[in-house]
Amino acid sequence: MQPMYDYLVYNPQAYDKSYAVNQYTESQVLSLSVKKGDTIDQSFYSYIKFKEIMINIRNLKETTDIRLNLKNKKGQIVKSDILRKADYDGNTLCWNLKESLKPGKYFVEIMFESPQDNVNLPIYDTANYDVYPNGYVCIQGRKKKNADLFFSVSDGKR
């Protein structure tokens, strides 16, 4: 862990790009059945300007609409959109914000617009190390101790 910590300290622009790789080995999966209006909230702090948010939610049906709200540290919605299908392998929501946002603390609210059984949320344990400090995940308003969703933010360049 020390070499990765040293790398990130001296390369702060890599915080967000390295996030998924660093945390994957610690991940576990929560299986949920969601109904219309159910929410999952993820807080995070980004060290870089970003315009894309990627969230891993497995087993999404093609017919599941998901509202994504991005809130600032005061809880005010700064961006909102509805995604109708997952990108890439069918397990990753990729939200292009169209314009870059400055570094800082944010919250992503994931609201299911349609019901679905067996949604799988990969989460990882943040008890010892967290690339995004002070992050947490809430499911239906209940905070999950020492856990974060498997997600990342980027500048949108691939």
N, C-alpha and C. Protein backbone atom coordinates (compact mmCIF):
# COMPACT_ATOMS: atom_id res chain seq x y z
N MET A 1 0.82 -1.19 0.00
CA MET A 1 0.00 0.00 0.00
C MET A 1 0.87 1.26 0.00
N GLN A 2 2.02 1.22 0.65
CA GLN A 2 2.88 2.40 0.73
C GLN A 2 3.33 2.90 -0.65
N PRO A 3 3.77 2.02 -1.57
CA PRO A 3 4.16 2.55 -2.89
C PRO A 3 3.02 3.27 -3.60
N MET A 4 1.78 2.75 -3.48
CA MET A 4 0.64 3.42 -4.12
C MET A 4 0.38 4.76 -3.46
N TYR A 5 0.47 4.81 -2.14
CA TYR A 5 0.28 6.06 -1.42
C TYR A 5 1.31 7.09 -1.88
N ASP A 6 2.58 6.69 -1.96
CA ASP A 6 3.64 7.60 -2.40
C ASP A 6 3.38 8.10 -3.82
N TYR A 7 2.95 7.17 -4.68
CA TYR A 7 2.66 7.55 -6.06
C TYR A 7 1.57 8.62 -6.12
N LEU A 8 0.49 8.42 -5.36
CA LEU A 8 -0.62 9.36 -5.40
C LEU A 8 -0.26 10.70 -4.77
N VAL A 9 0.57 10.70 -3.74
CA VAL A 9 1.00 11.95 -3.12
C VAL A 9 1.76 12.82 -4.11
N TYR A 10 2.63 12.18 -4.90
CA TYR A 10 3.45 12.93 -5.85
C TYR A 10 2.81 13.09 -7.22
N ASN A 11 1.68 12.47 -7.45
CA ASN A 11 0.94 12.58 -8.71
C ASN A 11 -0.54 12.79 -8.42
N PRO A 12 -0.91 13.94 -7.86
CA PRO A 12 -2.30 14.12 -7.44
C PRO A 12 -3.32 13.99 -8.57
N GLN A 13 -2.90 14.26 -9.80
CA GLN A 13 -3.84 14.12 -10.92
C GLN A 13 -4.27 12.67 -11.12
N ALA A 14 -3.53 11.74 -10.54
CA ALA A 14 -3.84 10.32 -10.71
C ALA A 14 -4.86 9.81 -9.70
N TYR A 15 -5.21 10.62 -8.70
CA TYR A 15 -6.15 10.16 -7.68
C TYR A 15 -7.38 9.50 -8.29
N ASP A 16 -8.04 10.23 -9.15
CA ASP A 16 -9.31 9.75 -9.65
C ASP A 16 -9.16 8.62 -10.66
N LYS A 17 -8.12 8.66 -11.50
CA LYS A 17 -7.92 7.61 -12.47
C LYS A 17 -7.49 6.31 -11.82
N SER A 18 -6.80 6.38 -10.72
CA SER A 18 -6.31 5.18 -10.04
C SER A 18 -7.34 4.56 -9.12
N TYR A 19 -8.40 5.27 -8.87
CA TYR A 19 -9.40 4.87 -7.89
C TYR A 19 -9.91 3.45 -8.07
N ALA A 20 -10.41 3.15 -9.26
CA ALA A 20 -11.04 1.85 -9.48
C ALA A 20 -10.05 0.70 -9.29
N VAL A 21 -8.86 0.85 -9.80
CA VAL A 21 -7.86 -0.20 -9.68
C VAL A 21 -7.48 -0.43 -8.23
N ASN A 22 -7.29 0.64 -7.48
CA ASN A 22 -6.87 0.52 -6.09
C ASN A 22 -7.91 -0.18 -5.23
N GLN A 23 -9.17 0.08 -5.49
CA GLN A 23 -10.20 -0.40 -4.59
C GLN A 23 -10.81 -1.74 -4.98
N TYR A 24 -10.58 -2.20 -6.20
CA TYR A 24 -11.26 -3.41 -6.67
C TYR A 24 -10.98 -4.63 -5.78
N THR A 25 -9.76 -4.76 -5.32
CA THR A 25 -9.42 -5.95 -4.53
C THR A 25 -10.14 -5.99 -3.20
N GLU A 26 -10.63 -4.85 -2.73
CA GLU A 26 -11.31 -4.80 -1.45
C GLU A 26 -12.84 -4.86 -1.59
N SER A 27 -13.33 -5.03 -2.81
CA SER A 27 -14.76 -4.88 -3.03
C SER A 27 -15.57 -6.11 -2.61
N GLN A 28 -16.83 -5.86 -2.33
CA GLN A 28 -17.81 -6.90 -2.06
C GLN A 28 -19.09 -6.46 -2.76
N VAL A 29 -20.07 -7.31 -2.85
CA VAL A 29 -21.29 -6.99 -3.60
C VAL A 29 -22.51 -7.07 -2.69
N LEU A 30 -23.33 -6.01 -2.74
CA LEU A 30 -24.63 -6.01 -2.07
C LEU A 30 -25.69 -6.27 -3.12
N SER A 31 -26.59 -7.18 -2.86
CA SER A 31 -27.68 -7.46 -3.78
C SER A 31 -28.94 -6.84 -3.22
N LEU A 32 -29.63 -6.04 -4.04
CA LEU A 32 -30.83 -5.32 -3.60
C LEU A 32 -31.96 -5.52 -4.58
N SER A 33 -33.17 -5.45 -4.10
CA SER A 33 -34.33 -5.28 -4.95
C SER A 33 -34.76 -3.84 -4.74
N VAL A 34 -34.93 -3.11 -5.82
CA VAL A 34 -35.29 -1.70 -5.69
C VAL A 34 -36.67 -1.45 -6.27
N LYS A 35 -37.37 -0.51 -5.65
CA LYS A 35 -38.67 -0.11 -6.18
C LYS A 35 -38.58 1.34 -6.64
N LYS A 36 -39.57 1.78 -7.34
CA LYS A 36 -39.58 3.15 -7.85
C LYS A 36 -39.39 4.14 -6.70
N GLY A 37 -38.45 5.05 -6.87
CA GLY A 37 -38.19 6.06 -5.87
C GLY A 37 -37.08 5.72 -4.89
N ASP A 38 -36.59 4.47 -4.89
CA ASP A 38 -35.48 4.10 -4.01
C ASP A 38 -34.23 4.88 -4.40
N THR A 39 -33.43 5.25 -3.40
CA THR A 39 -32.23 6.04 -3.67
C THR A 39 -30.99 5.43 -3.04
N ILE A 40 -29.88 5.71 -3.68
CA ILE A 40 -28.56 5.38 -3.17
C ILE A 40 -27.75 6.66 -3.30
N ASP A 41 -27.10 7.08 -2.24
CA ASP A 41 -26.30 8.30 -2.26
C ASP A 41 -24.83 7.96 -2.02
N GLN A 42 -23.96 8.61 -2.78
CA GLN A 42 -22.52 8.44 -2.61
C GLN A 42 -21.89 9.83 -2.48
N SER A 43 -21.17 10.05 -1.41
CA SER A 43 -20.43 11.30 -1.27
C SER A 43 -19.01 11.07 -1.75
N PHE A 44 -18.38 12.12 -2.24
CA PHE A 44 -16.98 11.98 -2.66
C PHE A 44 -16.32 13.36 -2.72
N TYR A 45 -15.01 13.33 -2.72
CA TYR A 45 -14.21 14.53 -2.90
C TYR A 45 -13.32 14.29 -4.11
N SER A 46 -13.39 15.17 -5.09
CA SER A 46 -12.53 15.04 -6.26
C SER A 46 -11.40 16.05 -6.18
N TYR A 47 -10.20 15.59 -6.47
CA TYR A 47 -9.04 16.47 -6.48
C TYR A 47 -8.81 17.10 -7.85
N ILE A 48 -9.53 16.63 -8.87
CA ILE A 48 -9.34 17.14 -10.22
C ILE A 48 -10.64 17.72 -10.74
N LYS A 49 -10.53 18.55 -11.80
CA LYS A 49 -11.73 18.96 -12.53
C LYS A 49 -12.28 17.71 -13.19
N PHE A 50 -13.59 17.57 -13.24
CA PHE A 50 -14.15 16.37 -13.85
C PHE A 50 -15.41 16.71 -14.62
N LYS A 51 -15.70 15.88 -15.62
CA LYS A 51 -16.94 16.04 -16.39
C LYS A 51 -17.61 14.71 -16.69
N GLU A 52 -17.10 13.66 -16.06
CA GLU A 52 -17.69 12.35 -16.26
C GLU A 52 -17.67 11.59 -14.94
N ILE A 53 -18.77 10.90 -14.65
CA ILE A 53 -18.89 10.06 -13.47
C ILE A 53 -19.26 8.67 -13.94
N MET A 54 -18.51 7.67 -13.47
CA MET A 54 -18.81 6.29 -13.81
C MET A 54 -19.16 5.54 -12.53
N ILE A 55 -20.30 4.84 -12.54
CA ILE A 55 -20.79 4.13 -11.37
C ILE A 55 -21.08 2.69 -11.78
N ASN A 56 -20.54 1.75 -11.03
CA ASN A 56 -20.75 0.34 -11.33
C ASN A 56 -21.99 -0.16 -10.58
N ILE A 57 -23.01 -0.53 -11.34
CA ILE A 57 -24.22 -1.15 -10.80
C ILE A 57 -24.50 -2.34 -11.71
N ARG A 58 -24.43 -3.53 -11.17
CA ARG A 58 -24.55 -4.74 -11.98
C ARG A 58 -25.99 -5.21 -12.11
N ASN A 59 -26.24 -5.91 -13.20
CA ASN A 59 -27.53 -6.55 -13.49
C ASN A 59 -28.65 -5.56 -13.77
N LEU A 60 -28.33 -4.42 -14.33
CA LEU A 60 -29.38 -3.47 -14.68
C LEU A 60 -30.17 -3.96 -15.89
N LYS A 61 -31.48 -3.90 -15.80
CA LYS A 61 -32.33 -4.26 -16.94
C LYS A 61 -32.30 -3.11 -17.95
N GLU A 62 -32.53 -3.45 -19.21
CA GLU A 62 -32.59 -2.43 -20.27
C GLU A 62 -33.70 -1.42 -20.01
N THR A 63 -34.72 -1.84 -19.28
CA THR A 63 -35.89 -0.98 -19.07
C THR A 63 -35.82 -0.17 -17.77
N THR A 64 -34.71 -0.24 -17.06
CA THR A 64 -34.59 0.47 -15.79
C THR A 64 -34.09 1.89 -16.04
N ASP A 65 -34.94 2.87 -15.76
CA ASP A 65 -34.52 4.27 -15.86
C ASP A 65 -33.95 4.69 -14.51
N ILE A 66 -32.84 5.42 -14.57
CA ILE A 66 -32.19 5.87 -13.35
C ILE A 66 -31.96 7.37 -13.43
N ARG A 67 -32.44 8.08 -12.42
CA ARG A 67 -32.18 9.52 -12.32
C ARG A 67 -30.91 9.70 -11.50
N LEU A 68 -30.00 10.50 -12.03
CA LEU A 68 -28.77 10.83 -11.33
C LEU A 68 -28.80 12.32 -11.00
N ASN A 69 -28.63 12.65 -9.74
CA ASN A 69 -28.52 14.04 -9.30
C ASN A 69 -27.13 14.23 -8.72
N LEU A 70 -26.46 15.28 -9.14
CA LEU A 70 -25.17 15.65 -8.56
C LEU A 70 -25.42 16.86 -7.68
N LYS A 71 -25.06 16.72 -6.40
CA LYS A 71 -25.30 17.80 -5.44
C LYS A 71 -23.98 18.36 -4.95
N ASN A 72 -23.98 19.65 -4.63
CA ASN A 72 -22.79 20.26 -4.05
C ASN A 72 -22.74 19.96 -2.56
N LYS A 73 -21.73 20.48 -1.88
CA LYS A 73 -21.56 20.15 -0.45
C LYS A 73 -22.69 20.68 0.43
N LYS A 74 -23.48 21.63 -0.10
CA LYS A 74 -24.64 22.14 0.64
C LYS A 74 -25.90 21.32 0.37
N GLY A 75 -25.78 20.32 -0.51
CA GLY A 75 -26.92 19.48 -0.83
C GLY A 75 -27.79 20.02 -1.95
N GLN A 76 -27.34 21.07 -2.63
CA GLN A 76 -28.10 21.64 -3.74
C GLN A 76 -27.78 20.89 -5.03
N ILE A 77 -28.79 20.58 -5.82
CA ILE A 77 -28.58 19.88 -7.09
C ILE A 77 -27.93 20.83 -8.09
N VAL A 78 -26.77 20.42 -8.63
CA VAL A 78 -26.08 21.22 -9.64
C VAL A 78 -26.23 20.61 -11.03
N LYS A 79 -26.49 19.32 -11.11
CA LYS A 79 -26.73 18.62 -12.38
C LYS A 79 -27.72 17.51 -12.12
N SER A 80 -28.55 17.22 -13.14
CA SER A 80 -29.51 16.13 -13.03
C SER A 80 -29.75 15.55 -14.42
N ASP A 81 -29.90 14.25 -14.49
CA ASP A 81 -30.11 13.60 -15.77
C ASP A 81 -30.75 12.23 -15.54
N ILE A 82 -31.39 11.69 -16.57
CA ILE A 82 -31.92 10.32 -16.51
C ILE A 82 -31.13 9.47 -17.50
N LEU A 83 -30.59 8.36 -17.01
CA LEU A 83 -29.90 7.41 -17.87
C LEU A 83 -30.81 6.20 -18.05
N ARG A 84 -30.89 5.72 -19.28
CA ARG A 84 -31.81 4.64 -19.58
C ARG A 84 -31.14 3.29 -19.81
N LYS A 85 -29.82 3.27 -19.85
CA LYS A 85 -29.13 1.99 -19.97
C LYS A 85 -27.69 2.14 -19.54
N ALA A 86 -27.10 1.04 -19.16
CA ALA A 86 -25.70 1.04 -18.75
C ALA A 86 -24.80 1.00 -19.97
N ASP A 87 -23.62 1.57 -19.85
CA ASP A 87 -22.63 1.56 -20.92
C ASP A 87 -21.67 0.39 -20.75
N TYR A 88 -20.76 0.27 -21.70
CA TYR A 88 -19.69 -0.73 -21.67
C TYR A 88 -20.25 -2.13 -21.56
N ASP A 89 -20.02 -2.81 -20.49
CA ASP A 89 -20.39 -4.21 -20.35
C ASP A 89 -21.81 -4.39 -19.81
N GLY A 90 -22.59 -3.32 -19.77
CA GLY A 90 -23.94 -3.40 -19.23
C GLY A 90 -23.99 -3.25 -17.73
N ASN A 91 -22.85 -3.00 -17.10
CA ASN A 91 -22.79 -2.88 -15.65
C ASN A 91 -22.31 -1.52 -15.16
N THR A 92 -22.02 -0.61 -16.06
CA THR A 92 -21.46 0.67 -15.65
C THR A 92 -22.28 1.82 -16.21
N LEU A 93 -22.75 2.68 -15.31
CA LEU A 93 -23.42 3.90 -15.74
C LEU A 93 -22.35 4.94 -16.01
N CYS A 94 -22.37 5.53 -17.17
CA CYS A 94 -21.39 6.55 -17.53
C CYS A 94 -22.16 7.85 -17.77
N TRP A 95 -21.98 8.81 -16.87
CA TRP A 95 -22.72 10.07 -16.92
C TRP A 95 -21.80 11.19 -17.38
N ASN A 96 -22.02 11.67 -18.60
CA ASN A 96 -21.25 12.79 -19.13
C ASN A 96 -21.96 14.07 -18.73
N LEU A 97 -21.27 14.92 -17.98
CA LEU A 97 -21.87 16.14 -17.45
C LEU A 97 -21.84 17.30 -18.44
N LYS A 98 -21.22 17.12 -19.60
CA LYS A 98 -21.13 18.09 -20.69
C LYS A 98 -20.19 19.26 -20.41
N GLU A 99 -19.98 19.63 -19.16
CA GLU A 99 -19.02 20.67 -18.82
C GLU A 99 -18.28 20.28 -17.55
N SER A 100 -17.05 20.70 -17.45
CA SER A 100 -16.22 20.32 -16.31
C SER A 100 -16.66 21.03 -15.04
N LEU A 101 -16.55 20.32 -13.93
CA LEU A 101 -16.80 20.88 -12.62
C LEU A 101 -15.49 20.95 -11.86
N LYS A 102 -15.38 21.94 -11.00
CA LYS A 102 -14.13 22.13 -10.27
C LYS A 102 -13.98 21.09 -9.15
N PRO A 103 -12.74 20.89 -8.71
CA PRO A 103 -12.52 19.95 -7.60
C PRO A 103 -13.33 20.37 -6.37
N GLY A 104 -13.67 19.40 -5.56
CA GLY A 104 -14.41 19.69 -4.33
C GLY A 104 -15.23 18.52 -3.88
N LYS A 105 -16.06 18.77 -2.85
CA LYS A 105 -16.91 17.73 -2.28
C LYS A 105 -18.26 17.75 -2.99
N TYR A 106 -18.73 16.55 -3.36
CA TYR A 106 -20.00 16.39 -4.05
C TYR A 106 -20.72 15.15 -3.52
N PHE A 107 -21.98 15.03 -3.93
CA PHE A 107 -22.80 13.86 -3.63
C PHE A 107 -23.46 13.43 -4.93
N VAL A 108 -23.46 12.15 -5.22
CA VAL A 108 -24.22 11.62 -6.35
C VAL A 108 -25.41 10.89 -5.75
N GLU A 109 -26.61 11.26 -6.19
CA GLU A 109 -27.83 10.58 -5.78
C GLU A 109 -28.32 9.74 -6.95
N ILE A 110 -28.48 8.46 -6.73
CA ILE A 110 -28.97 7.53 -7.74
C ILE A 110 -30.40 7.18 -7.35
N MET A 111 -31.36 7.56 -8.18
CA MET A 111 -32.76 7.31 -7.87
C MET A 111 -33.36 6.41 -8.96
N PHE A 112 -33.91 5.29 -8.55
CA PHE A 112 -34.49 4.36 -9.50
C PHE A 112 -35.89 4.85 -9.89
N GLU A 113 -36.08 5.05 -11.18
CA GLU A 113 -37.37 5.52 -11.71
C GLU A 113 -38.29 4.34 -12.02
N SER A 114 -37.75 3.14 -12.02
CA SER A 114 -38.55 1.94 -12.25
C SER A 114 -38.02 0.81 -11.36
N PRO A 115 -38.90 -0.11 -10.96
CA PRO A 115 -38.48 -1.18 -10.05
C PRO A 115 -37.61 -2.22 -10.75
N GLN A 116 -36.79 -2.91 -9.95
CA GLN A 116 -35.98 -4.00 -10.49
C GLN A 116 -35.52 -4.90 -9.35
N ASP A 117 -35.54 -6.21 -9.59
CA ASP A 117 -35.01 -7.18 -8.63
C ASP A 117 -33.52 -7.40 -8.87
N ASN A 118 -32.80 -7.78 -7.83
CA ASN A 118 -31.41 -8.21 -7.92
C ASN A 118 -30.46 -7.22 -8.58
N VAL A 119 -30.50 -6.00 -8.14
CA VAL A 119 -29.48 -5.02 -8.54
C VAL A 119 -28.28 -5.28 -7.64
N ASN A 120 -27.11 -5.40 -8.22
CA ASN A 120 -25.91 -5.66 -7.44
C ASN A 120 -25.03 -4.42 -7.38
N LEU A 121 -24.70 -4.01 -6.17
CA LEU A 121 -23.85 -2.85 -5.96
C LEU A 121 -22.49 -3.29 -5.44
N PRO A 122 -21.45 -3.18 -6.25
CA PRO A 122 -20.12 -3.45 -5.71
C PRO A 122 -19.74 -2.31 -4.77
N ILE A 123 -19.39 -2.62 -3.56
CA ILE A 123 -18.91 -1.62 -2.62
C ILE A 123 -17.56 -2.08 -2.09
N TYR A 124 -16.80 -1.17 -1.54
CA TYR A 124 -15.52 -1.56 -0.95
C TYR A 124 -15.40 -0.98 0.44
N ASP A 125 -14.58 -1.62 1.23
CA ASP A 125 -14.38 -1.24 2.62
C ASP A 125 -13.42 -0.07 2.71
N THR A 126 -13.85 1.01 3.36
CA THR A 126 -13.01 2.20 3.48
C THR A 126 -12.46 2.37 4.89
N ALA A 127 -12.44 1.31 5.66
CA ALA A 127 -11.99 1.44 7.05
C ALA A 127 -10.53 1.85 7.15
N ASN A 128 -9.71 1.40 6.21
CA ASN A 128 -8.28 1.67 6.31
C ASN A 128 -7.77 2.71 5.33
N TYR A 129 -8.38 2.82 4.18
CA TYR A 129 -7.82 3.66 3.12
C TYR A 129 -8.93 4.12 2.20
N ASP A 130 -8.92 5.36 1.81
CA ASP A 130 -9.93 5.87 0.90
C ASP A 130 -9.31 6.95 0.03
N VAL A 131 -9.32 6.73 -1.28
CA VAL A 131 -8.78 7.73 -2.20
C VAL A 131 -9.62 9.00 -2.13
N TYR A 132 -10.93 8.84 -1.99
CA TYR A 132 -11.82 9.99 -1.82
C TYR A 132 -12.10 10.14 -0.33
N PRO A 133 -11.44 11.08 0.35
CA PRO A 133 -11.64 11.19 1.80
C PRO A 133 -13.07 11.57 2.16
N ASN A 134 -13.48 11.13 3.31
CA ASN A 134 -14.80 11.44 3.86
C ASN A 134 -15.94 10.96 2.99
N GLY A 135 -15.71 9.93 2.19
CA GLY A 135 -16.78 9.38 1.37
C GLY A 135 -17.63 8.41 2.16
N TYR A 136 -18.88 8.26 1.73
CA TYR A 136 -19.77 7.26 2.34
C TYR A 136 -20.89 6.96 1.37
N VAL A 137 -21.54 5.84 1.58
CA VAL A 137 -22.69 5.47 0.78
C VAL A 137 -23.90 5.34 1.71
N CYS A 138 -25.05 5.83 1.25
CA CYS A 138 -26.33 5.69 1.97
C CYS A 138 -27.30 4.94 1.06
N ILE A 139 -27.95 3.95 1.59
CA ILE A 139 -28.97 3.22 0.84
C ILE A 139 -30.29 3.45 1.56
N GLN A 140 -31.23 4.08 0.86
CA GLN A 140 -32.53 4.46 1.44
C GLN A 140 -32.35 5.28 2.72
N GLY A 141 -31.37 6.18 2.70
CA GLY A 141 -31.16 7.07 3.83
C GLY A 141 -30.38 6.46 4.98
N ARG A 142 -30.01 5.19 4.87
CA ARG A 142 -29.24 4.52 5.93
C ARG A 142 -27.78 4.44 5.52
N LYS A 143 -26.93 5.06 6.32
CA LYS A 143 -25.51 5.11 6.03
C LYS A 143 -24.88 3.73 6.23
N LYS A 144 -24.11 3.31 5.25
CA LYS A 144 -23.38 2.05 5.32
C LYS A 144 -22.00 2.36 5.87
N LYS A 145 -21.68 1.85 7.03
CA LYS A 145 -20.43 2.16 7.70
C LYS A 145 -19.22 1.65 6.91
N ASN A 146 -18.22 2.50 6.76
CA ASN A 146 -16.95 2.15 6.09
C ASN A 146 -17.16 1.55 4.70
N ALA A 147 -18.02 2.15 3.90
CA ALA A 147 -18.27 1.62 2.56
C ALA A 147 -18.43 2.75 1.55
N ASP A 148 -18.03 2.48 0.33
CA ASP A 148 -18.22 3.37 -0.81
C ASP A 148 -18.61 2.53 -2.01
N LEU A 149 -19.34 3.15 -2.95
CA LEU A 149 -19.64 2.48 -4.20
C LEU A 149 -18.37 2.38 -5.03
N PHE A 150 -18.36 1.46 -5.95
CA PHE A 150 -17.26 1.30 -6.89
C PHE A 150 -17.53 2.28 -8.03
N PHE A 151 -16.91 3.46 -7.98
CA PHE A 151 -17.17 4.50 -8.96
C PHE A 151 -15.90 5.30 -9.18
N SER A 152 -15.93 6.16 -10.21
CA SER A 152 -14.79 7.04 -10.45
C SER A 152 -15.28 8.29 -11.16
N VAL A 153 -14.47 9.32 -11.11
CA VAL A 153 -14.73 10.54 -11.88
C VAL A 153 -13.51 10.75 -12.77
N SER A 154 -13.73 11.42 -13.92
CA SER A 154 -12.61 11.70 -14.81
C SER A 154 -12.87 12.98 -15.58
N ASP A 155 -11.87 13.37 -16.34
CA ASP A 155 -12.01 14.57 -17.17
C ASP A 155 -12.74 14.26 -18.48
N GLY A 156 -13.12 13.01 -18.69
CA GLY A 156 -13.88 12.62 -19.87
C GLY A 156 -13.04 12.27 -21.07
N LYS A 157 -11.72 12.41 -20.97
CA LYS A 157 -10.84 12.05 -22.08
C LYS A 157 -10.46 10.59 -21.96
N ARG A 158 -10.61 9.87 -23.03
CA ARG A 158 -10.27 8.43 -22.99
C ARG A 158 -9.19 8.12 -23.99
